């Protein structure tokens, strides 16, 4: 066959998929992976047998300039840069005559009469019965006029797509590939300015996805992205359907359904544009309707995330009513109370200089709400009044943020003894290096730090807080104490690689031999754990060992050690390979 695409050569093919994918693709082609190669117009098509039972669909479209577009149905083939596309390109390069020329599909179908098309569709349904739901669906431009389509047809398609994938580990990707066909229908309706039917399609897809959302893992966000696309489509319908009351109401109902669903699953930002579309595109009259929906949903909010949901409904309600009305203070406060938005409630009360009510609301608030309320009182200049409430509350609370807020207030006023009491309390609750530093700083200002330090170190040694002790020794430059601790507690530190490496790094200058021992021991532990990643980390430790031997002018000792290390692990070819790669 005369090559109709002279601009496409091996260099261009390799550049398209990448050198490695082209090499892997050539191997696949040489192993017979390319099945039924065809040339259809300017497009190469074939099946490529991959790791799955079902071969992947693969195609490459050309133009006079070269490769224009490509696609593969494998998990990573959406951009057409995978090894299966490389296999198709290699087949075209080496065996172009194997590609059977076929007529363009549109032209071929256009030549068939109605009886032949019906017979063809019936044949297709025998092979793929699941396509029956697609036959039921109305297609844009199908000669039906501007009649309203039946949403149940599309709901059945979505349900059928979920049934087909079952518990396949690629279920989310596979189901969205099927749903994309339905989404394309909605997009085509929208392109034809048929907002009514476009909205019906998007709403059906969205409702189907919400219904089945918890059925499968979606680590790659396939379902998430499709739902966001539905929200964008509904926003387009709402923007374009000026004056069509029914279309606008349906779009707003679907958008509010998405907003509510996001809160039902925990409020992670799924379909977050739905709220923006309702605020930006709804008329004042429509916003009043949405207010009714929000109030009903807020009252009915139950379940795992009900408190968060009520607060979010309240926030949305405040935004809606503020935009449509001049919201009276009492109405604003009532919404805050209904939805549990205590921060907005207190802020408005303080703005109105109703301090007693604000303090009463704060006193009723939960411990976790108080740190945010503290800053609100502080902003309004009432932090000393709020402080009295906090002093009482910290007698029972375990919310660290509240204690930290009060400690900071004491420090600002120079009341260091009171601040130290709270800093020591926080350190007792959760010992860590940052809290230790704070206690140290305050104790030094007040005197008596030496005795306090000795007591703390003895307490943590008894409690086997060896990691914290090592951090403190490193922080305060006591390298020998850190090394002694590491030697005494080898098993404890064996699993704390990062801390162990910090000890070795700190010891490298003044105690290089001790650092070498740590790096060597850690390298051996990593090798025992097996695996390429562990071998690479072991090589990093050994590189440190080599640097230290050079620093000590002991190259012969390094050579002897490394020879013995390789000999001990001669039966680990992957490790030997990593040692070679690291120049060891």
Foldseek 3Di string as FASTA:
>chain_A
DPDPAVLEDPVNLCVQQPVVLLVLLCVQLVVVQWAQWACEPQKIWTFGDDPDPGTKTWMWGADNNGTDFIAILPPPGHRPNGSNSSNSSSCCNPPVVSHHYDYHPVVVVVPDDPVVVVVVVVVVCVVPVLCPLVVQFDAPPPPPPLDATDLVSLLVQLVSLQVVLDQPQCSLSSSLVSLVVLLVRLVVCVVVVSLRNSLSSLLSNLVSCLVCVPVYDDVVCSSLVSNLVSLVSLLSSLQSVPPPVVSNVSSLVSLVVQVLSCQVVPNPCRNVCSLVSCLPRPDLVVLVVVLVVLVVCLVVQDDDRNLVSLLVSLVSNCSSCVVNHVDDLVNNLVSCVSSVVLQVNLLSCVVVVVVVVSLVSLLVDDPVCVLSNLVSCVVSPNNVVVLVSLVVVVVPDPPLSSLVVNLVVCVVVPVLVVSLVSLVVVCVVPPADVSVVVNLVSCVVVDDSVVVVVVVVVVCVVVVVLLRVLVVCVVVVVLVVNLVSCVVPVVVCLVVVVSLLSSLVSCCPPNVVSSLVSLQVNLVVLVVVDDLVSLLVNLVSLVSNCVSCVVVVNVVVNVVVVVVVCVVPVVDVSSVVSNVVSVD
